């Protein structure tokens, strides 16, 4: 059987790696061994960050929607809850774009969410009042227990 000679294919592989490593600092763009290691790491970073980018954009969209919703007097979570209850299917990407480019339309969307929440939207103030009353009750119970402890 004839001997396999690797020179041509080896050169081709080395050249391809060095072309991918163009612009890297120092030996990482000149030496095949360093360049190959850096190119493999770079490909791993690219793979990871293509997926991370999706989460980054989602975070950005949520921040934009939250800011616009608060201008309209509603929190992000209440807006999303209202849209789910109203069965409005608008994804966060489109909602953020509408919030930035067309505030009037966004205000209409917020109104739809408020209508869907109905009594719940007005209930936020009631919830805050109930929490304050609970804190007052706990304080009075603490005072009573301290007074009864001092009496005995």
C-alpha atoms as a PDB file:
ATOM      1  CA  UNK A   1       0.000   0.000   0.000  1.00  0.00           C
ATOM      2  CA  UNK A   2       1.277   3.461  -0.900  1.00  0.00           C
ATOM      3  CA  UNK A   3       2.367   5.841   1.839  1.00  0.00           C
ATOM      4  CA  UNK A   4       0.005   8.764   2.598  1.00  0.00           C
ATOM      5  CA  UNK A   5       1.698  12.128   2.371  1.00  0.00           C
ATOM      6  CA  UNK A   6       0.038  14.931   4.358  1.00  0.00           C
ATOM      7  CA  UNK A   7       1.933  18.003   3.191  1.00  0.00           C
ATOM      8  CA  UNK A   8      -0.707  19.532   0.904  1.00  0.00           C
ATOM      9  CA  UNK A   9      -3.670  19.007   3.237  1.00  0.00           C
ATOM     10  CA  UNK A  10      -1.642  20.001   6.285  1.00  0.00           C
ATOM     11  CA  UNK A  11      -0.587  23.252   4.611  1.00  0.00           C
ATOM     12  CA  UNK A  12      -4.195  23.916   3.617  1.00  0.00           C
ATOM     13  CA  UNK A  13      -5.403  23.426   7.195  1.00  0.00           C
ATOM     14  CA  UNK A  14      -2.642  25.648   8.604  1.00  0.00           C
ATOM     15  CA  UNK A  15      -3.386  28.363   6.073  1.00  0.00           C
ATOM     16  CA  UNK A  16      -7.122  28.247   6.858  1.00  0.00           C
ATOM     17  CA  UNK A  17      -6.479  28.589  10.610  1.00  0.00           C
ATOM     18  CA  UNK A  18      -3.999  31.445  10.127  1.00  0.00           C
ATOM     19  CA  UNK A  19      -6.494  33.267   7.880  1.00  0.00           C
ATOM     20  CA  UNK A  20      -9.135  32.972  10.591  1.00  0.00           C
ATOM     21  CA  UNK A  21      -6.626  34.323  13.122  1.00  0.00           C
ATOM     22  CA  UNK A  22      -5.870  37.500  11.160  1.00  0.00           C
ATOM     23  CA  UNK A  23      -5.897  40.535  13.430  1.00  0.00           C
ATOM     24  CA  UNK A  24      -5.198  38.577  16.619  1.00  0.00           C
ATOM     25  CA  UNK A  25      -2.493  39.964  18.905  1.00  0.00           C
ATOM     26  CA  UNK A  26       1.117  38.806  18.671  1.00  0.00           C
ATOM     27  CA  UNK A  27       1.925  35.156  18.111  1.00  0.00           C
ATOM     28  CA  UNK A  28      -1.768  34.260  17.973  1.00  0.00           C
ATOM     29  CA  UNK A  29      -1.875  35.501  14.387  1.00  0.00           C
ATOM     30  CA  UNK A  30       1.521  34.092  13.288  1.00  0.00           C
ATOM     31  CA  UNK A  31       2.193  30.743  14.940  1.00  0.00           C
ATOM     32  CA  UNK A  32      -0.110  27.896  13.907  1.00  0.00           C
ATOM     33  CA  UNK A  33      -0.171  26.339  17.370  1.00  0.00           C
ATOM     34  CA  UNK A  34      -1.114  29.572  19.156  1.00  0.00           C
ATOM     35  CA  UNK A  35      -3.475  30.617  16.355  1.00  0.00           C
ATOM     36  CA  UNK A  36      -5.279  27.272  16.357  1.00  0.00           C
ATOM     37  CA  UNK A  37      -5.818  27.400  20.116  1.00  0.00           C
ATOM     38  CA  UNK A  38      -7.123  30.968  19.929  1.00  0.00           C
ATOM     39  CA  UNK A  39      -9.386  30.220  16.959  1.00  0.00           C
ATOM     40  CA  UNK A  40     -10.931  27.266  18.833  1.00  0.00           C
ATOM     41  CA  UNK A  41     -11.557  29.485  21.880  1.00  0.00           C
ATOM     42  CA  UNK A  42     -12.977  32.220  19.661  1.00  0.00           C
ATOM     43  CA  UNK A  43     -15.406  29.780  18.085  1.00  0.00           C
ATOM     44  CA  UNK A  44     -16.559  28.660  21.548  1.00  0.00           C
ATOM     45  CA  UNK A  45     -17.070  32.282  22.610  1.00  0.00           C
ATOM     46  CA  UNK A  46     -19.013  32.987  19.423  1.00  0.00           C
ATOM     47  CA  UNK A  47     -21.282  29.964  19.985  1.00  0.00           C
ATOM     48  CA  UNK A  48     -21.949  30.937  23.617  1.00  0.00           C
ATOM     49  CA  UNK A  49     -22.525  34.603  22.848  1.00  0.00           C
ATOM     50  CA  UNK A  50     -24.924  33.950  19.964  1.00  0.00           C
ATOM     51  CA  UNK A  51     -27.192  32.394  22.566  1.00  0.00           C
ATOM     52  CA  UNK A  52     -26.482  34.999  25.237  1.00  0.00           C
ATOM     53  CA  UNK A  53     -27.398  37.757  22.770  1.00  0.00           C
ATOM     54  CA  UNK A  54     -31.010  36.552  22.775  1.00  0.00           C
ATOM     55  CA  UNK A  55     -31.239  37.031  26.538  1.00  0.00           C
ATOM     56  CA  UNK A  56     -29.525  40.417  26.332  1.00  0.00           C
ATOM     57  CA  UNK A  57     -32.072  41.681  23.824  1.00  0.00           C
ATOM     58  CA  UNK A  58     -34.946  40.340  25.928  1.00  0.00           C
ATOM     59  CA  UNK A  59     -33.579  42.278  28.940  1.00  0.00           C
ATOM     60  CA  UNK A  60     -33.339  45.430  26.822  1.00  0.00           C
ATOM     61  CA  UNK A  61     -36.905  45.047  25.552  1.00  0.00           C
ATOM     62  CA  UNK A  62     -38.220  44.528  29.082  1.00  0.00           C
ATOM     63  CA  UNK A  63     -36.419  47.658  30.308  1.00  0.00           C
ATOM     64  CA  UNK A  64     -37.889  49.722  27.472  1.00  0.00           C
ATOM     65  CA  UNK A  65     -41.402  48.374  28.033  1.00  0.00           C
ATOM     66  CA  UNK A  66     -41.122  48.979  31.786  1.00  0.00           C
ATOM     67  CA  UNK A  67     -39.980  52.586  31.291  1.00  0.00           C
ATOM     68  CA  UNK A  68     -42.807  53.326  28.857  1.00  0.00           C
ATOM     69  CA  UNK A  69     -45.380  51.554  31.036  1.00  0.00           C
ATOM     70  CA  UNK A  70     -44.350  53.556  34.107  1.00  0.00           C
ATOM     71  CA  UNK A  71     -44.813  56.772  32.113  1.00  0.00           C
ATOM     72  CA  UNK A  72     -48.375  55.549  31.551  1.00  0.00           C
ATOM     73  CA  UNK A  73     -48.755  54.868  35.299  1.00  0.00           C
ATOM     74  CA  UNK A  74     -48.429  51.092  35.258  1.00  0.00           C
ATOM     75  CA  UNK A  75     -45.665  48.644  36.142  1.00  0.00           C
ATOM     76  CA  UNK A  76     -44.240  46.149  33.643  1.00  0.00           C
ATOM     77  CA  UNK A  77     -45.571  43.116  35.487  1.00  0.00           C
ATOM     78  CA  UNK A  78     -49.104  44.533  35.705  1.00  0.00           C
ATOM     79  CA  UNK A  79     -48.989  45.446  31.991  1.00  0.00           C
ATOM     80  CA  UNK A  80     -47.968  41.925  30.984  1.00  0.00           C
ATOM     81  CA  UNK A  81     -50.582  40.408  33.332  1.00  0.00           C
ATOM     82  CA  UNK A  82     -53.250  42.660  31.814  1.00  0.00           C
ATOM     83  CA  UNK A  83     -52.246  41.770  28.267  1.00  0.00           C
ATOM     84  CA  UNK A  84     -52.369  38.052  29.106  1.00  0.00           C
ATOM     85  CA  UNK A  85     -55.795  38.469  30.680  1.00  0.00           C
ATOM     86  CA  UNK A  86     -56.999  40.429  27.615  1.00  0.00           C
ATOM     87  CA  UNK A  87     -55.526  37.651  25.429  1.00  0.00           C
ATOM     88  CA  UNK A  88     -53.406  40.148  23.489  1.00  0.00           C
ATOM     89  CA  UNK A  89     -50.502  38.318  21.876  1.00  0.00           C
ATOM     90  CA  UNK A  90     -47.808  40.903  21.258  1.00  0.00           C
ATOM     91  CA  UNK A  91     -44.264  39.762  21.877  1.00  0.00           C
ATOM     92  CA  UNK A  92     -41.802  41.846  23.863  1.00  0.00           C
ATOM     93  CA  UNK A  93     -39.733  42.785  20.806  1.00  0.00           C
ATOM     94  CA  UNK A  94     -42.714  44.377  19.047  1.00  0.00           C
ATOM     95  CA  UNK A  95     -44.039  45.901  22.278  1.00  0.00           C
ATOM     96  CA  UNK A  96     -40.672  47.568  22.964  1.00  0.00           C
ATOM     97  CA  UNK A  97     -40.529  48.888  19.398  1.00  0.00           C
ATOM     98  CA  UNK A  98     -44.045  50.328  19.692  1.00  0.00           C
ATOM     99  CA  UNK A  99     -43.149  51.877  23.065  1.00  0.00           C
ATOM    100  CA  UNK A 100     -40.148  53.673  21.549  1.00  0.00           C
ATOM    101  CA  UNK A 101     -41.512  54.629  18.121  1.00  0.00           C
ATOM    102  CA  UNK A 102     -45.244  55.162  18.731  1.00  0.00           C
ATOM    103  CA  UNK A 103     -46.181  56.263  22.281  1.00  0.00           C
ATOM    104  CA  UNK A 104     -49.840  56.892  21.349  1.00  0.00           C
ATOM    105  CA  UNK A 105     -50.351  53.289  20.247  1.00  0.00           C
ATOM    106  CA  UNK A 106     -48.510  52.083  23.350  1.00  0.00           C
ATOM    107  CA  UNK A 107     -50.872  54.155  25.501  1.00  0.00           C
ATOM    108  CA  UNK A 108     -53.816  52.375  23.815  1.00  0.00           C
ATOM    109  CA  UNK A 109     -52.210  48.999  24.567  1.00  0.00           C
ATOM    110  CA  UNK A 110     -51.778  50.036  28.217  1.00  0.00           C
ATOM    111  CA  UNK A 111     -55.454  51.066  28.298  1.00  0.00           C
ATOM    112  CA  UNK A 112     -56.425  47.605  27.011  1.00  0.00           C
ATOM    113  CA  UNK A 113     -54.331  46.011  29.770  1.00  0.00           C
ATOM    114  CA  UNK A 114     -55.905  48.276  32.421  1.00  0.00           C
ATOM    115  CA  UNK A 115     -59.405  47.406  31.196  1.00  0.00           C
ATOM    116  CA  UNK A 116     -58.591  43.693  31.311  1.00  0.00           C
ATOM    117  CA  UNK A 117     -57.324  44.003  34.877  1.00  0.00           C
ATOM    118  CA  UNK A 118     -60.442  45.950  35.826  1.00  0.00           C
ATOM    119  CA  UNK A 119     -60.754  46.027  39.614  1.00  0.00           C
ATOM    120  CA  UNK A 120     -57.245  44.630  40.040  1.00  0.00           C
ATOM    121  CA  UNK A 121     -55.666  47.835  38.686  1.00  0.00           C
ATOM    122  CA  UNK A 122     -57.526  49.854  41.281  1.00  0.00           C
ATOM    123  CA  UNK A 123     -56.690  47.141  43.801  1.00  0.00           C
ATOM    124  CA  UNK A 124     -52.990  48.084  43.883  1.00  0.00           C
ATOM    125  CA  UNK A 125     -53.770  51.000  46.212  1.00  0.00           C
ATOM    126  CA  UNK A 126     -55.935  48.690  48.322  1.00  0.00           C
ATOM    127  CA  UNK A 127     -53.092  46.173  48.577  1.00  0.00           C
ATOM    128  CA  UNK A 128     -50.702  48.918  49.726  1.00  0.00           C
ATOM    129  CA  UNK A 129     -53.248  50.072  52.323  1.00  0.00           C
ATOM    130  CA  UNK A 130     -53.735  46.490  53.534  1.00  0.00           C
ATOM    131  CA  UNK A 131     -49.973  46.014  53.890  1.00  0.00           C
ATOM    132  CA  UNK A 132     -49.728  49.247  55.910  1.00  0.00           C
ATOM    133  CA  UNK A 133     -52.593  48.097  58.142  1.00  0.00           C
ATOM    134  CA  UNK A 134     -50.883  44.732  58.690  1.00  0.00           C
ATOM    135  CA  UNK A 135     -47.658  46.498  59.714  1.00  0.00           C
ATOM    136  CA  UNK A 136     -49.601  48.687  62.173  1.00  0.00           C
ATOM    137  CA  UNK A 137     -51.271  45.588  63.595  1.00  0.00           C
ATOM    138  CA  UNK A 138     -47.899  43.858  64.071  1.00  0.00           C
ATOM    139  CA  UNK A 139     -46.547  46.952  65.825  1.00  0.00           C
ATOM    140  CA  UNK A 140     -49.544  47.068  68.199  1.00  0.00           C
ATOM    141  CA  UNK A 141     -49.200  43.338  68.950  1.00  0.00           C
ATOM    142  CA  UNK A 142     -45.500  43.862  69.733  1.00  0.00           C
ATOM    143  CA  UNK A 143     -46.382  46.746  72.087  1.00  0.00           C
ATOM    144  CA  UNK A 144     -49.050  44.632  73.834  1.00  0.00           C
ATOM    145  CA  UNK A 145     -46.695  41.701  74.321  1.00  0.00           C
ATOM    146  CA  UNK A 146     -43.974  44.044  75.630  1.00  0.00           C
ATOM    147  CA  UNK A 147     -46.441  45.667  78.043  1.00  0.00           C
ATOM    148  CA  UNK A 148     -47.730  42.288  79.329  1.00  0.00           C
ATOM    149  CA  UNK A 149     -44.129  41.095  79.737  1.00  0.00           C
ATOM    150  CA  UNK A 150     -43.302  44.190  81.821  1.00  0.00           C
ATOM    151  CA  UNK A 151     -46.475  43.794  83.981  1.00  0.00           C
ATOM    152  CA  UNK A 152     -45.596  40.255  85.070  1.00  0.00           C
END
